[in-house]
Amino acid sequence: MSKVVTNIIVLLGLATVAFAGYYLYTKKTETVLKFTTTPSDIQNLVSQTQVFIERDRILKNVKINVSFFSDRKLLSLQDYRTEIIKAPVGRSNPFEEPELTIESVN
């Protein structure tokens, strides 16, 4: 590319970065919480709060029966887990030449 095209691309890139920075800076200062107190907004807030309180009351009344975990049938089940053997992963120095070992199979 010629120097003129390179200079134009660099200037356009700088202008784009400058515009993006200015845009983000002005957006940061515009973010202000605005509270409206119209009667419909207050009524909506009250109804949502009532729903939240009702759900909280329902959840507080939930009783969980944990006697299932002491059931004879559950306790008689066999455990089929396999032991996972921890093996070293990787090398202590990744830039070191790897050791080549040849194992014979009998």
Protein backbone atom coordinates (compact mmCIF):
# COMPACT_ATOMS: atom_id res chain seq x y z
CA MET A 1 0.00 0.00 0.00
CA SER A 2 1.10 3.52 -0.59
CA LYS A 3 1.84 5.92 2.27
CA VAL A 4 -1.27 7.97 1.50
CA VAL A 5 -3.60 4.97 1.89
CA THR A 6 -1.81 3.88 5.07
CA ASN A 7 -2.11 7.39 6.54
CA ILE A 8 -5.82 7.56 5.68
CA ILE A 9 -6.47 4.17 7.31
CA VAL A 10 -4.58 5.21 10.45
CA LEU A 11 -6.47 8.51 10.65
CA LEU A 12 -9.83 6.76 10.19
CA GLY A 13 -8.88 4.25 12.90
CA LEU A 14 -7.92 7.02 15.31
CA ALA A 15 -11.10 8.92 14.55
CA THR A 16 -13.17 5.78 15.19
CA VAL A 17 -11.43 5.14 18.53
CA ALA A 18 -11.85 8.81 19.53
CA PHE A 19 -15.56 8.76 18.64
CA ALA A 20 -16.12 5.50 20.53
CA GLY A 21 -14.34 6.92 23.59
CA TYR A 22 -16.37 10.12 23.48
CA TYR A 23 -19.61 8.16 23.05
CA LEU A 24 -18.85 5.89 26.00
CA TYR A 25 -17.81 8.86 28.15
CA THR A 26 -21.03 10.76 27.46
CA LYS A 27 -23.15 7.63 28.05
CA LYS A 28 -21.53 7.15 31.45
CA THR A 29 -22.59 10.60 32.58
CA GLU A 30 -26.14 10.15 31.25
CA THR A 31 -26.86 7.09 33.37
CA VAL A 32 -29.02 8.46 36.16
CA LEU A 33 -31.77 6.63 37.97
CA LYS A 34 -35.11 8.25 37.38
CA PHE A 35 -38.00 7.43 39.66
CA THR A 36 -41.50 8.02 38.47
CA THR A 37 -44.32 8.21 40.95
CA THR A 38 -47.36 7.99 38.79
CA PRO A 39 -50.30 6.14 40.38
CA SER A 40 -50.13 3.34 37.80
CA ASP A 41 -46.43 2.76 38.54
CA ILE A 42 -47.09 2.64 42.28
CA GLN A 43 -50.00 0.22 41.78
CA ASN A 44 -47.82 -2.01 39.60
CA LEU A 45 -45.09 -1.98 42.27
CA VAL A 46 -47.59 -2.88 45.00
CA SER A 47 -49.04 -5.77 43.01
CA GLN A 48 -45.59 -7.17 42.24
CA THR A 49 -44.65 -6.87 45.91
CA GLN A 50 -47.80 -8.74 46.94
CA VAL A 51 -46.95 -11.56 44.53
CA PHE A 52 -43.43 -11.72 45.97
CA ILE A 53 -44.74 -11.85 49.55
CA GLU A 54 -47.23 -14.58 48.66
CA ARG A 55 -44.54 -16.72 47.02
CA ASP A 56 -42.29 -16.20 50.03
CA ARG A 57 -45.09 -17.38 52.33
CA ILE A 58 -45.66 -20.48 50.18
CA LEU A 59 -41.96 -21.34 50.15
CA LYS A 60 -41.65 -20.93 53.93
CA ASN A 61 -44.46 -23.46 54.41
CA VAL A 62 -42.74 -26.14 52.32
CA LYS A 63 -41.75 -29.16 54.41
CA ILE A 64 -39.31 -31.68 52.98
CA ASN A 65 -39.64 -35.29 54.07
CA VAL A 66 -36.10 -36.60 54.47
CA SER A 67 -37.13 -40.00 55.79
CA PHE A 68 -36.52 -41.29 52.25
CA PHE A 69 -32.79 -41.24 52.90
CA SER A 70 -33.10 -43.66 55.83
CA ASP A 71 -35.24 -46.14 53.88
CA ARG A 72 -33.96 -49.75 54.06
CA LYS A 73 -34.23 -50.20 50.27
CA LEU A 74 -32.15 -47.12 49.55
CA LEU A 75 -29.48 -48.07 52.07
CA SER A 76 -29.22 -51.60 50.65
CA LEU A 77 -28.15 -50.37 47.20
CA GLN A 78 -24.62 -51.25 46.14
CA ASP A 79 -21.99 -48.70 45.27
CA TYR A 80 -20.46 -49.29 41.83
CA ARG A 81 -18.01 -46.41 41.80
CA THR A 82 -14.52 -46.99 40.47
CA GLU A 83 -11.50 -45.51 42.16
CA ILE A 84 -9.90 -42.75 40.13
CA ILE A 85 -6.13 -42.88 40.39
CA LYS A 86 -4.49 -39.50 40.41
CA ALA A 87 -1.71 -39.31 37.85
CA PRO A 88 0.64 -36.43 37.21
CA VAL A 89 -0.41 -34.21 34.34
CA GLY A 90 2.06 -32.42 32.14
CA ARG A 91 5.71 -31.73 32.89
CA SER A 92 7.33 -29.54 35.50
CA ASN A 93 9.19 -27.64 32.76
CA PRO A 94 7.28 -27.59 29.44
CA PHE A 95 10.33 -26.25 27.57
CA GLU A 96 12.54 -29.17 28.52
CA GLU A 97 13.11 -31.92 25.98
CA PRO A 98 10.82 -34.89 26.71
CA GLU A 99 12.40 -38.08 27.92
CA LEU A 100 11.90 -40.91 25.46
CA THR A 101 11.40 -44.26 27.12
CA ILE A 102 10.65 -47.49 25.36
CA GLU A 103 8.77 -50.05 27.39
CA SER A 104 8.80 -53.63 26.31
CA VAL A 105 5.55 -55.51 26.31
CA ASN A 106 5.79 -59.14 27.41
